[in-house]
Amino acid sequence: MFVIDYLLFLGVIFIVFWLWNLAFTLLGSLIFALIRWNKGTYLIKAFNIYIFVSLTALLTLGVMVENPGIASLVLLPLIGGFIIFTSLGQDAYDKQKEAMMHYDYELLENLKYDGLFIFGALILFVIALFLPIIAVNPLTEWLFKITEWAYNIKILGWILRIGGAIFLLAFVWQGILFSLLLIGAIIGKIKGEPEYESEKELPGESK
């Protein structure tokens, strides 16, 4: 039962974080555009990932304390880490696909370190479970309180729980597909296969 509550609360966290991510990214991009600092995109991305990981870690630790036992000790960190990996992976995959469709080379340049950000997020999540002080700051506490308030509203709270769970599961499912594609790309590189179709030899073309 505590796993279901954990996933429902995490779904509401995902909605709150998505709104925060949208607002902060727009504001941060505007500021860095005014001062003409192109690397500011990485700073915005790193900070947003830190917020998401911190909120997930705080929730995970809170549920583990309320439900002591081997099941929560093992299961909840695995679920939290899996959701972080798949949700961030899906976001990176969507942006990369969009950039390639529109030949947006500037966006592709900004996405080249996304793999490092994703694995860095997983490492940060594990560290935060052992050192919760890393995840605690006025901003994460404020966002967590907003999430608790929204979660406990009678009718709207259930709508947010169900909507957040569906939203989260959609990201997780597509994130699994992204993970499989990523693994396939890694295996292809190990075997020396070309990454894109344009690199393959065309029929009738001599080497």
N, C-alpha and C. Protein backbone atom coordinates (compact mmCIF):
# COMPACT_ATOMS: atom_id res chain seq x y z
N MET A 1 0.83 -1.21 0.00
CA MET A 1 0.00 0.00 0.00
C MET A 1 0.86 1.26 0.00
N PHE A 2 1.96 1.23 0.75
CA PHE A 2 2.81 2.41 0.84
C PHE A 2 3.49 2.70 -0.50
N VAL A 3 3.66 1.67 -1.34
CA VAL A 3 4.25 1.88 -2.66
C VAL A 3 3.29 2.68 -3.54
N ILE A 4 1.99 2.36 -3.45
CA ILE A 4 0.99 3.10 -4.22
C ILE A 4 0.94 4.55 -3.78
N ASP A 5 0.93 4.77 -2.45
CA ASP A 5 0.94 6.15 -1.94
C ASP A 5 2.19 6.89 -2.39
N TYR A 6 3.31 6.17 -2.38
CA TYR A 6 4.58 6.77 -2.82
C TYR A 6 4.51 7.21 -4.28
N LEU A 7 3.96 6.35 -5.14
CA LEU A 7 3.86 6.67 -6.56
C LEU A 7 2.88 7.81 -6.82
N LEU A 8 1.75 7.82 -6.08
CA LEU A 8 0.78 8.89 -6.24
C LEU A 8 1.37 10.24 -5.83
N PHE A 9 2.07 10.26 -4.70
CA PHE A 9 2.70 11.49 -4.23
C PHE A 9 3.79 11.93 -5.19
N LEU A 10 4.52 10.95 -5.71
CA LEU A 10 5.59 11.27 -6.65
C LEU A 10 5.01 11.85 -7.94
N GLY A 11 3.81 11.38 -8.31
CA GLY A 11 3.15 11.94 -9.48
C GLY A 11 2.80 13.41 -9.29
N VAL A 12 2.34 13.78 -8.09
CA VAL A 12 2.04 15.18 -7.79
C VAL A 12 3.33 15.99 -7.76
N ILE A 13 4.40 15.41 -7.20
CA ILE A 13 5.71 16.07 -7.23
C ILE A 13 6.12 16.35 -8.67
N PHE A 14 5.86 15.41 -9.55
CA PHE A 14 6.24 15.55 -10.95
C PHE A 14 5.52 16.73 -11.58
N ILE A 15 4.24 16.91 -11.25
CA ILE A 15 3.48 18.03 -11.79
C ILE A 15 4.03 19.35 -11.26
N VAL A 16 4.27 19.40 -9.94
CA VAL A 16 4.81 20.63 -9.33
C VAL A 16 6.17 20.95 -9.92
N PHE A 17 7.01 19.93 -10.06
CA PHE A 17 8.35 20.16 -10.64
C PHE A 17 8.25 20.62 -12.09
N TRP A 18 7.33 20.03 -12.86
CA TRP A 18 7.17 20.41 -14.26
C TRP A 18 6.81 21.89 -14.39
N LEU A 19 5.93 22.37 -13.51
CA LEU A 19 5.57 23.79 -13.52
C LEU A 19 6.76 24.66 -13.13
N TRP A 20 7.49 24.21 -12.10
CA TRP A 20 8.68 24.94 -11.67
C TRP A 20 9.73 24.96 -12.79
N ASN A 21 9.95 23.82 -13.40
CA ASN A 21 10.95 23.70 -14.46
C ASN A 21 10.61 24.64 -15.63
N LEU A 22 9.34 24.71 -15.98
CA LEU A 22 8.91 25.58 -17.08
C LEU A 22 9.17 27.04 -16.75
N ALA A 23 8.76 27.47 -15.54
CA ALA A 23 8.91 28.87 -15.15
C ALA A 23 10.38 29.26 -15.00
N PHE A 24 11.15 28.41 -14.31
CA PHE A 24 12.55 28.75 -14.05
C PHE A 24 13.38 28.72 -15.33
N THR A 25 13.08 27.77 -16.22
CA THR A 25 13.83 27.68 -17.48
C THR A 25 13.59 28.91 -18.35
N LEU A 26 12.33 29.35 -18.42
CA LEU A 26 12.01 30.55 -19.21
C LEU A 26 12.70 31.78 -18.63
N LEU A 27 12.62 31.94 -17.32
CA LEU A 27 13.25 33.09 -16.67
C LEU A 27 14.76 33.04 -16.80
N GLY A 28 15.34 31.87 -16.53
CA GLY A 28 16.79 31.74 -16.62
C GLY A 28 17.30 31.94 -18.03
N SER A 29 16.59 31.41 -19.02
CA SER A 29 17.01 31.57 -20.42
C SER A 29 16.98 33.03 -20.83
N LEU A 30 15.96 33.75 -20.34
CA LEU A 30 15.86 35.18 -20.66
C LEU A 30 17.04 35.96 -20.07
N ILE A 31 17.36 35.66 -18.82
CA ILE A 31 18.46 36.36 -18.15
C ILE A 31 19.79 36.07 -18.84
N PHE A 32 20.06 34.80 -19.14
CA PHE A 32 21.33 34.44 -19.77
C PHE A 32 21.40 34.93 -21.22
N ALA A 33 20.24 35.07 -21.87
CA ALA A 33 20.23 35.64 -23.22
C ALA A 33 20.59 37.12 -23.18
N LEU A 34 20.12 37.81 -22.14
CA LEU A 34 20.42 39.24 -22.01
C LEU A 34 21.91 39.48 -21.75
N ILE A 35 22.51 38.59 -20.95
CA ILE A 35 23.93 38.77 -20.66
C ILE A 35 24.81 38.02 -21.66
N ARG A 36 24.15 37.33 -22.62
CA ARG A 36 24.83 36.63 -23.71
C ARG A 36 25.83 35.58 -23.19
N TRP A 37 25.35 34.73 -22.30
CA TRP A 37 26.17 33.63 -21.79
C TRP A 37 25.54 32.32 -22.23
N ASN A 38 26.07 31.71 -23.27
CA ASN A 38 25.48 30.51 -23.85
C ASN A 38 25.53 29.30 -22.91
N LYS A 39 26.53 29.24 -22.05
CA LYS A 39 26.69 28.10 -21.16
C LYS A 39 25.67 28.11 -20.02
N GLY A 40 24.88 29.17 -19.93
CA GLY A 40 23.89 29.25 -18.86
C GLY A 40 22.86 28.14 -18.93
N THR A 41 22.66 27.57 -20.13
CA THR A 41 21.71 26.47 -20.30
C THR A 41 22.08 25.28 -19.43
N TYR A 42 23.38 24.99 -19.35
CA TYR A 42 23.83 23.87 -18.53
C TYR A 42 23.56 24.13 -17.04
N LEU A 43 23.74 25.37 -16.63
CA LEU A 43 23.50 25.72 -15.23
C LEU A 43 22.03 25.57 -14.87
N ILE A 44 21.15 26.02 -15.78
CA ILE A 44 19.71 25.88 -15.55
C ILE A 44 19.33 24.41 -15.46
N LYS A 45 19.85 23.62 -16.38
CA LYS A 45 19.52 22.20 -16.41
C LYS A 45 20.00 21.49 -15.15
N ALA A 46 21.23 21.79 -14.74
CA ALA A 46 21.79 21.15 -13.54
C ALA A 46 20.98 21.52 -12.30
N PHE A 47 20.57 22.78 -12.19
CA PHE A 47 19.82 23.21 -11.01
C PHE A 47 18.44 22.56 -10.98
N ASN A 48 17.77 22.49 -12.12
CA ASN A 48 16.45 21.86 -12.18
C ASN A 48 16.53 20.37 -11.84
N ILE A 49 17.56 19.71 -12.34
CA ILE A 49 17.75 18.29 -12.01
C ILE A 49 18.00 18.12 -10.52
N TYR A 50 18.77 19.02 -9.93
CA TYR A 50 19.02 18.97 -8.49
C TYR A 50 17.71 19.09 -7.70
N ILE A 51 16.82 19.99 -8.14
CA ILE A 51 15.54 20.16 -7.46
C ILE A 51 14.71 18.89 -7.56
N PHE A 52 14.63 18.32 -8.76
CA PHE A 52 13.83 17.11 -8.96
C PHE A 52 14.38 15.94 -8.13
N VAL A 53 15.68 15.76 -8.15
CA VAL A 53 16.30 14.68 -7.38
C VAL A 53 16.09 14.91 -5.88
N SER A 54 16.22 16.15 -5.44
CA SER A 54 16.06 16.45 -4.01
C SER A 54 14.64 16.15 -3.54
N LEU A 55 13.64 16.56 -4.32
CA LEU A 55 12.25 16.28 -3.96
C LEU A 55 11.98 14.79 -3.92
N THR A 56 12.52 14.05 -4.89
CA THR A 56 12.34 12.60 -4.91
C THR A 56 13.02 11.94 -3.73
N ALA A 57 14.21 12.41 -3.38
CA ALA A 57 14.95 11.84 -2.25
C ALA A 57 14.24 12.13 -0.93
N LEU A 58 13.72 13.35 -0.77
CA LEU A 58 13.01 13.69 0.47
C LEU A 58 11.76 12.84 0.63
N LEU A 59 11.03 12.64 -0.45
CA LEU A 59 9.84 11.78 -0.39
C LEU A 59 10.23 10.34 -0.07
N THR A 60 11.25 9.85 -0.73
CA THR A 60 11.70 8.47 -0.50
C THR A 60 12.09 8.24 0.94
N LEU A 61 12.86 9.15 1.49
CA LEU A 61 13.29 9.03 2.89
C LEU A 61 12.10 9.12 3.83
N GLY A 62 11.16 10.04 3.55
CA GLY A 62 9.99 10.19 4.41
C GLY A 62 9.14 8.94 4.46
N VAL A 63 8.90 8.32 3.31
CA VAL A 63 8.10 7.09 3.26
C VAL A 63 8.85 5.93 3.91
N MET A 64 10.16 5.90 3.75
CA MET A 64 10.96 4.84 4.38
C MET A 64 10.90 4.93 5.89
N VAL A 65 10.90 6.15 6.42
CA VAL A 65 10.82 6.35 7.87
C VAL A 65 9.45 5.93 8.39
N GLU A 66 8.39 6.27 7.64
CA GLU A 66 7.04 5.92 8.05
C GLU A 66 6.73 4.43 7.89
N ASN A 67 7.47 3.76 7.02
CA ASN A 67 7.24 2.33 6.76
C ASN A 67 8.57 1.57 6.85
N PRO A 68 9.10 1.44 8.07
CA PRO A 68 10.40 0.77 8.22
C PRO A 68 10.31 -0.71 7.85
N GLY A 69 11.36 -1.19 7.24
CA GLY A 69 11.40 -2.59 6.85
C GLY A 69 12.27 -2.78 5.62
N ILE A 70 12.59 -4.04 5.35
CA ILE A 70 13.45 -4.37 4.22
C ILE A 70 12.79 -3.98 2.90
N ALA A 71 11.46 -4.17 2.82
CA ALA A 71 10.74 -3.89 1.58
C ALA A 71 10.89 -2.43 1.18
N SER A 72 10.62 -1.53 2.11
CA SER A 72 10.73 -0.10 1.79
C SER A 72 12.19 0.32 1.61
N LEU A 73 13.07 -0.29 2.36
CA LEU A 73 14.49 0.06 2.28
C LEU A 73 15.08 -0.28 0.92
N VAL A 74 14.61 -1.35 0.32
CA VAL A 74 15.15 -1.79 -0.97
C VAL A 74 14.30 -1.28 -2.13
N LEU A 75 12.98 -1.40 -2.00
CA LEU A 75 12.08 -1.13 -3.11
C LEU A 75 11.99 0.35 -3.47
N LEU A 76 11.82 1.21 -2.46
CA LEU A 76 11.60 2.63 -2.73
C LEU A 76 12.79 3.31 -3.42
N PRO A 77 14.03 3.08 -2.96
CA PRO A 77 15.16 3.69 -3.69
C PRO A 77 15.27 3.21 -5.13
N LEU A 78 14.94 1.92 -5.36
CA LEU A 78 14.98 1.40 -6.73
C LEU A 78 13.92 2.08 -7.61
N ILE A 79 12.72 2.23 -7.06
CA ILE A 79 11.65 2.89 -7.82
C ILE A 79 12.01 4.35 -8.08
N GLY A 80 12.49 5.04 -7.04
CA GLY A 80 12.86 6.45 -7.19
C GLY A 80 13.96 6.64 -8.22
N GLY A 81 14.99 5.82 -8.15
CA GLY A 81 16.09 5.91 -9.10
C GLY A 81 15.65 5.59 -10.52
N PHE A 82 14.79 4.59 -10.65
CA PHE A 82 14.28 4.21 -11.98
C PHE A 82 13.46 5.33 -12.60
N ILE A 83 12.62 5.99 -11.79
CA ILE A 83 11.79 7.08 -12.29
C ILE A 83 12.65 8.28 -12.68
N ILE A 84 13.66 8.58 -11.89
CA ILE A 84 14.57 9.67 -12.23
C ILE A 84 15.26 9.40 -13.57
N PHE A 85 15.76 8.18 -13.73
CA PHE A 85 16.48 7.83 -14.96
C PHE A 85 15.57 7.89 -16.18
N THR A 86 14.39 7.27 -16.09
CA THR A 86 13.51 7.19 -17.25
C THR A 86 12.89 8.54 -17.59
N SER A 87 12.51 9.32 -16.58
CA SER A 87 11.87 10.61 -16.86
C SER A 87 12.86 11.60 -17.47
N LEU A 88 14.07 11.66 -16.93
CA LEU A 88 15.09 12.54 -17.50
C LEU A 88 15.54 12.04 -18.87
N GLY A 89 15.61 10.72 -19.02
CA GLY A 89 15.99 10.16 -20.31
C GLY A 89 14.97 10.45 -21.38
N GLN A 90 13.68 10.34 -21.04
CA GLN A 90 12.64 10.64 -22.00
C GLN A 90 12.67 12.11 -22.41
N ASP A 91 12.88 12.98 -21.44
CA ASP A 91 12.94 14.42 -21.74
C ASP A 91 14.10 14.71 -22.70
N ALA A 92 15.25 14.10 -22.45
CA ALA A 92 16.41 14.31 -23.31
C ALA A 92 16.16 13.75 -24.71
N TYR A 93 15.51 12.60 -24.78
CA TYR A 93 15.24 11.98 -26.08
C TYR A 93 14.28 12.83 -26.91
N ASP A 94 13.23 13.35 -26.26
CA ASP A 94 12.26 14.20 -26.97
C ASP A 94 12.92 15.46 -27.53
N LYS A 95 13.76 16.09 -26.71
CA LYS A 95 14.43 17.31 -27.16
C LYS A 95 15.41 17.02 -28.29
N GLN A 96 16.11 15.89 -28.19
CA GLN A 96 17.06 15.53 -29.24
C GLN A 96 16.34 15.25 -30.55
N LYS A 97 15.22 14.54 -30.47
CA LYS A 97 14.44 14.24 -31.67
C LYS A 97 13.90 15.52 -32.31
N GLU A 98 13.42 16.44 -31.45
CA GLU A 98 12.91 17.71 -31.96
C GLU A 98 14.02 18.51 -32.64
N ALA A 99 15.20 18.53 -32.02
CA ALA A 99 16.32 19.28 -32.58
C ALA A 99 16.75 18.71 -33.93
N MET A 100 16.75 17.38 -34.06
CA MET A 100 17.15 16.76 -35.32
C MET A 100 16.11 16.99 -36.41
N MET A 101 14.83 17.01 -36.04
CA MET A 101 13.78 17.24 -37.03
C MET A 101 13.84 18.65 -37.60
N HIS A 102 14.21 19.61 -36.75
CA HIS A 102 14.25 21.01 -37.19
C HIS A 102 15.67 21.49 -37.49
N TYR A 103 16.63 20.58 -37.51
CA TYR A 103 18.02 20.91 -37.79
C TYR A 103 18.51 22.05 -36.87
N ASP A 104 18.13 21.92 -35.60
CA ASP A 104 18.51 22.94 -34.61
C ASP A 104 19.85 22.52 -33.99
N TYR A 105 20.95 22.94 -34.60
CA TYR A 105 22.27 22.50 -34.15
C TYR A 105 22.66 23.12 -32.82
N GLU A 106 22.11 24.29 -32.53
CA GLU A 106 22.40 24.91 -31.23
C GLU A 106 21.79 24.08 -30.10
N LEU A 107 20.56 23.60 -30.31
CA LEU A 107 19.93 22.76 -29.31
C LEU A 107 20.65 21.43 -29.18
N LEU A 108 21.08 20.85 -30.29
CA LEU A 108 21.84 19.60 -30.24
C LEU A 108 23.14 19.77 -29.46
N GLU A 109 23.76 20.93 -29.61
CA GLU A 109 24.99 21.22 -28.86
C GLU A 109 24.70 21.26 -27.37
N ASN A 110 23.55 21.84 -26.99
CA ASN A 110 23.18 21.93 -25.58
C ASN A 110 22.81 20.58 -24.99
N LEU A 111 22.46 19.61 -25.85
CA LEU A 111 22.01 18.31 -25.38
C LEU A 111 23.13 17.27 -25.31
N LYS A 112 24.33 17.63 -25.74
CA LYS A 112 25.38 16.63 -25.87
C LYS A 112 25.85 16.07 -24.53
N TYR A 113 25.58 16.79 -23.42
CA TYR A 113 26.00 16.30 -22.11
C TYR A 113 24.84 15.71 -21.31
N ASP A 114 23.69 15.49 -21.95
CA ASP A 114 22.52 15.01 -21.22
C ASP A 114 22.75 13.66 -20.56
N GLY A 115 23.50 12.79 -21.23
CA GLY A 115 23.81 11.49 -20.62
C GLY A 115 24.54 11.64 -19.30
N LEU A 116 25.49 12.57 -19.25
CA LEU A 116 26.23 12.82 -18.01
C LEU A 116 25.30 13.40 -16.94
N PHE A 117 24.38 14.27 -17.35
CA PHE A 117 23.44 14.84 -16.39
C PHE A 117 22.56 13.74 -15.79
N ILE A 118 22.12 12.80 -16.62
CA ILE A 118 21.24 11.73 -16.14
C ILE A 118 21.95 10.84 -15.13
N PHE A 119 23.15 10.39 -15.47
CA PHE A 119 23.89 9.53 -14.54
C PHE A 119 24.34 10.31 -13.31
N GLY A 120 24.63 11.60 -13.49
CA GLY A 120 24.95 12.44 -12.34
C GLY A 120 23.76 12.57 -11.40
N ALA A 121 22.54 12.63 -11.97
CA ALA A 121 21.33 12.70 -11.15
C ALA A 121 21.15 11.43 -10.32
N LEU A 122 21.44 10.28 -10.91
CA LEU A 122 21.34 9.01 -10.18
C LEU A 122 22.34 8.96 -9.03
N ILE A 123 23.55 9.41 -9.29
CA ILE A 123 24.57 9.43 -8.23
C ILE A 123 24.16 10.38 -7.11
N LEU A 124 23.64 11.55 -7.48
CA LEU A 124 23.17 12.52 -6.49
C LEU A 124 22.03 11.95 -5.66
N PHE A 125 21.13 11.21 -6.30
CA PHE A 125 20.00 10.60 -5.59
C PHE A 125 20.50 9.62 -4.52
N VAL A 126 21.45 8.79 -4.88
CA VAL A 126 22.00 7.82 -3.93
C VAL A 126 22.69 8.53 -2.77
N ILE A 127 23.47 9.57 -3.08
CA ILE A 127 24.15 10.32 -2.03
C ILE A 127 23.15 11.01 -1.11
N ALA A 128 22.09 11.56 -1.69
CA ALA A 128 21.08 12.28 -0.89
C ALA A 128 20.35 11.34 0.06
N LEU A 129 20.23 10.06 -0.29
CA LEU A 129 19.58 9.10 0.61
C LEU A 129 20.43 8.85 1.85
N PHE A 130 21.75 8.97 1.70
CA PHE A 130 22.64 8.79 2.84
C PHE A 130 22.95 10.11 3.55
N LEU A 131 22.92 11.21 2.79
CA LEU A 131 23.16 12.55 3.35
C LEU A 131 22.00 13.46 2.98
N PRO A 132 20.89 13.36 3.69
CA PRO A 132 19.69 14.14 3.34
C PRO A 132 19.90 15.65 3.34
N ILE A 133 20.91 16.10 4.08
CA ILE A 133 21.17 17.55 4.16
C ILE A 133 21.42 18.14 2.78
N ILE A 134 21.90 17.31 1.84
CA ILE A 134 22.16 17.77 0.48
C ILE A 134 20.87 18.22 -0.21
N ALA A 135 19.78 17.52 0.12
CA ALA A 135 18.51 17.80 -0.55
C ALA A 135 17.67 18.86 0.16
N VAL A 136 18.09 19.26 1.35
CA VAL A 136 17.28 20.18 2.15
C VAL A 136 17.77 21.61 1.95
N ASN A 137 16.87 22.46 1.50
CA ASN A 137 17.12 23.89 1.38
C ASN A 137 15.76 24.59 1.33
N PRO A 138 15.70 25.90 1.51
CA PRO A 138 14.40 26.60 1.55
C PRO A 138 13.53 26.35 0.32
N LEU A 139 14.15 26.25 -0.86
CA LEU A 139 13.36 26.07 -2.07
C LEU A 139 12.71 24.69 -2.13
N THR A 140 13.48 23.63 -1.87
CA THR A 140 12.91 22.28 -1.91
C THR A 140 11.87 22.10 -0.81
N GLU A 141 12.11 22.69 0.36
CA GLU A 141 11.12 22.60 1.44
C GLU A 141 9.83 23.30 1.04
N TRP A 142 9.95 24.46 0.37
CA TRP A 142 8.76 25.20 -0.07
C TRP A 142 8.00 24.42 -1.13
N LEU A 143 8.71 23.86 -2.11
CA LEU A 143 8.05 23.06 -3.15
C LEU A 143 7.42 21.80 -2.57
N PHE A 144 8.07 21.22 -1.58
CA PHE A 144 7.52 20.01 -0.95
C PHE A 144 6.24 20.34 -0.19
N LYS A 145 6.20 21.49 0.46
CA LYS A 145 4.99 21.91 1.18
C LYS A 145 3.85 22.18 0.21
N ILE A 146 4.18 22.77 -0.94
CA ILE A 146 3.16 23.00 -1.97
C ILE A 146 2.59 21.65 -2.45
N THR A 147 3.49 20.68 -2.63
CA THR A 147 3.06 19.35 -3.07
C THR A 147 2.16 18.70 -2.03
N GLU A 148 2.53 18.78 -0.76
CA GLU A 148 1.71 18.22 0.31
C GLU A 148 0.34 18.89 0.36
N TRP A 149 0.32 20.22 0.20
CA TRP A 149 -0.94 20.95 0.23
C TRP A 149 -1.83 20.49 -0.93
N ALA A 150 -1.27 20.40 -2.14
CA ALA A 150 -2.05 19.97 -3.30
C ALA A 150 -2.49 18.52 -3.16
N TYR A 151 -1.64 17.69 -2.59
CA TYR A 151 -1.94 16.26 -2.43
C TYR A 151 -3.10 16.03 -1.48
N ASN A 152 -3.24 16.88 -0.46
CA ASN A 152 -4.25 16.68 0.58
C ASN A 152 -5.57 17.40 0.33
N ILE A 153 -5.67 18.17 -0.76
CA ILE A 153 -6.96 18.77 -1.11
C ILE A 153 -7.93 17.66 -1.49
N LYS A 154 -9.16 17.73 -1.00
CA LYS A 154 -10.10 16.61 -1.12
C LYS A 154 -10.34 16.16 -2.56
N ILE A 155 -10.95 16.99 -3.37
CA ILE A 155 -11.29 16.58 -4.74
C ILE A 155 -10.13 16.84 -5.69
N LEU A 156 -9.61 18.07 -5.66
CA LEU A 156 -8.50 18.42 -6.54
C LEU A 156 -7.28 17.54 -6.28
N GLY A 157 -7.09 17.17 -5.02
CA GLY A 157 -5.94 16.34 -4.68
C GLY A 157 -5.98 14.99 -5.39
N TRP A 158 -7.17 14.37 -5.45
CA TRP A 158 -7.29 13.08 -6.14
C TRP A 158 -7.11 13.23 -7.64
N ILE A 159 -7.61 14.34 -8.18
CA ILE A 159 -7.41 14.60 -9.61
C ILE A 159 -5.92 14.73 -9.92
N LEU A 160 -5.21 15.45 -9.04
CA LEU A 160 -3.77 15.62 -9.23
C LEU A 160 -3.03 14.30 -9.05
N ARG A 161 -3.47 13.49 -8.10
CA ARG A 161 -2.82 12.19 -7.87
C ARG A 161 -2.94 11.30 -9.10
N ILE A 162 -4.17 11.17 -9.58
CA ILE A 162 -4.39 10.30 -10.74
C ILE A 162 -3.71 10.87 -11.98
N GLY A 163 -3.90 12.19 -12.20
CA GLY A 163 -3.27 12.81 -13.36
C GLY A 163 -1.76 12.73 -13.29
N GLY A 164 -1.20 12.98 -12.10
CA GLY A 164 0.25 12.90 -11.94
C GLY A 164 0.77 11.50 -12.16
N ALA A 165 0.02 10.48 -11.67
CA ALA A 165 0.45 9.10 -11.86
C ALA A 165 0.45 8.72 -13.33
N ILE A 166 -0.60 9.13 -14.06
CA ILE A 166 -0.68 8.84 -15.50
C ILE A 166 0.44 9.56 -16.24
N PHE A 167 0.66 10.83 -15.89
CA PHE A 167 1.71 11.63 -16.51
C PHE A 167 3.07 10.98 -16.27
N LEU A 168 3.29 10.54 -15.04
CA LEU A 168 4.56 9.93 -14.68
C LEU A 168 4.76 8.59 -15.39
N LEU A 169 3.70 7.77 -15.43
CA LEU A 169 3.81 6.46 -16.08
C LEU A 169 4.08 6.60 -17.57
N ALA A 170 3.48 7.63 -18.19
CA ALA A 170 3.74 7.87 -19.61
C ALA A 170 5.21 8.19 -19.84
N PHE A 171 5.78 9.02 -18.97
CA PHE A 171 7.19 9.35 -19.09
C PHE A 171 8.06 8.13 -18.84
N VAL A 172 7.66 7.31 -17.85
CA VAL A 172 8.45 6.13 -17.51
C VAL A 172 8.43 5.13 -18.66
N TRP A 173 7.25 4.91 -19.24
CA TRP A 173 7.14 3.96 -20.35
C TRP A 173 7.98 4.39 -21.54
N GLN A 174 7.86 5.66 -21.92
CA GLN A 174 8.65 6.16 -23.03
C GLN A 174 10.13 6.21 -22.67
N GLY A 175 10.41 6.41 -21.38
CA GLY A 175 11.80 6.40 -20.92
C GLY A 175 12.42 5.02 -21.04
N ILE A 176 11.60 3.98 -20.84
CA ILE A 176 12.09 2.61 -21.02
C ILE A 176 12.49 2.39 -22.48
N LEU A 177 11.64 2.87 -23.39
CA LEU A 177 11.96 2.76 -24.81
C LEU A 177 13.24 3.52 -25.14
N PHE A 178 13.39 4.71 -24.53
CA PHE A 178 14.63 5.48 -24.73
C PHE A 178 15.83 4.70 -24.22
N SER A 179 15.69 4.03 -23.08
CA SER A 179 16.78 3.26 -22.50
C SER A 179 17.20 2.13 -23.44
N LEU A 180 16.19 1.46 -24.03
CA LEU A 180 16.49 0.38 -24.96
C LEU A 180 17.22 0.91 -26.20
N LEU A 181 16.78 2.07 -26.70
CA LEU A 181 17.45 2.68 -27.84
C LEU A 181 18.89 3.07 -27.49
N LEU A 182 19.06 3.58 -26.26
CA LEU A 182 20.39 3.98 -25.81
C LEU A 182 21.32 2.77 -25.72
N ILE A 183 20.79 1.67 -25.16
CA ILE A 183 21.58 0.44 -25.06
C ILE A 183 21.93 -0.09 -26.44
N GLY A 184 20.93 -0.03 -27.36
CA GLY A 184 21.17 -0.47 -28.73
C GLY A 184 22.24 0.37 -29.42
N ALA A 185 22.22 1.69 -29.17
CA ALA A 185 23.21 2.57 -29.77
C ALA A 185 24.61 2.26 -29.24
N ILE A 186 24.69 1.97 -27.94
CA ILE A 186 25.98 1.63 -27.33
C ILE A 186 26.53 0.33 -27.91
N ILE A 187 25.63 -0.68 -28.04
CA ILE A 187 26.05 -1.97 -28.62
C ILE A 187 26.49 -1.78 -30.06
N GLY A 188 25.74 -0.90 -30.80
CA GLY A 188 26.10 -0.63 -32.19
C GLY A 188 27.47 0.01 -32.31
N LYS A 189 27.78 0.92 -31.39
CA LYS A 189 29.09 1.56 -31.42
C LYS A 189 30.20 0.56 -31.11
N ILE A 190 29.91 -0.37 -30.17
CA ILE A 190 30.91 -1.38 -29.83
C ILE A 190 31.19 -2.28 -31.03
N LYS A 191 30.12 -2.60 -31.77
CA LYS A 191 30.27 -3.46 -32.94
C LYS A 191 30.81 -2.70 -34.15
N GLY A 192 30.85 -1.36 -34.04
CA GLY A 192 31.35 -0.55 -35.14
C GLY A 192 30.32 -0.24 -36.19
N GLU A 193 29.02 -0.40 -35.85
CA GLU A 193 27.97 -0.09 -36.81
C GLU A 193 27.76 1.40 -36.88
N PRO A 194 27.38 1.96 -38.04
CA PRO A 194 27.12 3.39 -38.17
C PRO A 194 25.93 3.79 -37.33
N GLU A 195 25.96 5.00 -36.78
CA GLU A 195 24.90 5.47 -35.88
C GLU A 195 23.69 5.94 -36.65
N TYR A 196 23.88 6.53 -37.80
CA TYR A 196 22.76 7.06 -38.57
C TYR A 196 22.69 6.37 -39.93
N GLU A 197 21.49 6.36 -40.48
CA GLU A 197 21.29 5.70 -41.76
C GLU A 197 22.11 6.34 -42.86
N SER A 198 22.33 7.66 -42.75
CA SER A 198 23.08 8.38 -43.78
C SER A 198 24.52 7.93 -43.86
N GLU A 199 24.99 7.24 -42.80
CA GLU A 199 26.38 6.80 -42.79
C GLU A 199 26.55 5.45 -43.46
N LYS A 200 25.40 4.75 -43.69
CA LYS A 200 25.50 3.43 -44.28
C LYS A 200 25.75 3.54 -45.79
N GLU A 201 26.32 2.51 -46.35
CA GLU A 201 26.60 2.51 -47.78
C GLU A 201 25.31 2.34 -48.56
N LEU A 202 25.10 3.15 -49.55
CA LEU A 202 23.91 3.06 -50.39
C LEU A 202 24.07 1.91 -51.37
N PRO A 203 22.91 1.33 -51.83
CA PRO A 203 22.97 0.25 -52.81
C PRO A 203 23.69 0.69 -54.08
N GLY A 204 24.61 -0.12 -54.57
CA GLY A 204 25.33 0.20 -55.79
C GLY A 204 26.49 1.14 -55.60
N GLU A 205 26.68 1.57 -54.34
CA GLU A 205 27.78 2.51 -54.07
C GLU A 205 29.03 1.72 -53.72
N SER A 206 30.12 2.01 -54.38
CA SER A 206 31.37 1.28 -54.12
C SER A 206 32.09 1.88 -52.95
N LYS A 207 32.84 1.07 -52.27
CA LYS A 207 33.63 1.55 -51.12
C LYS A 207 34.90 2.21 -51.62
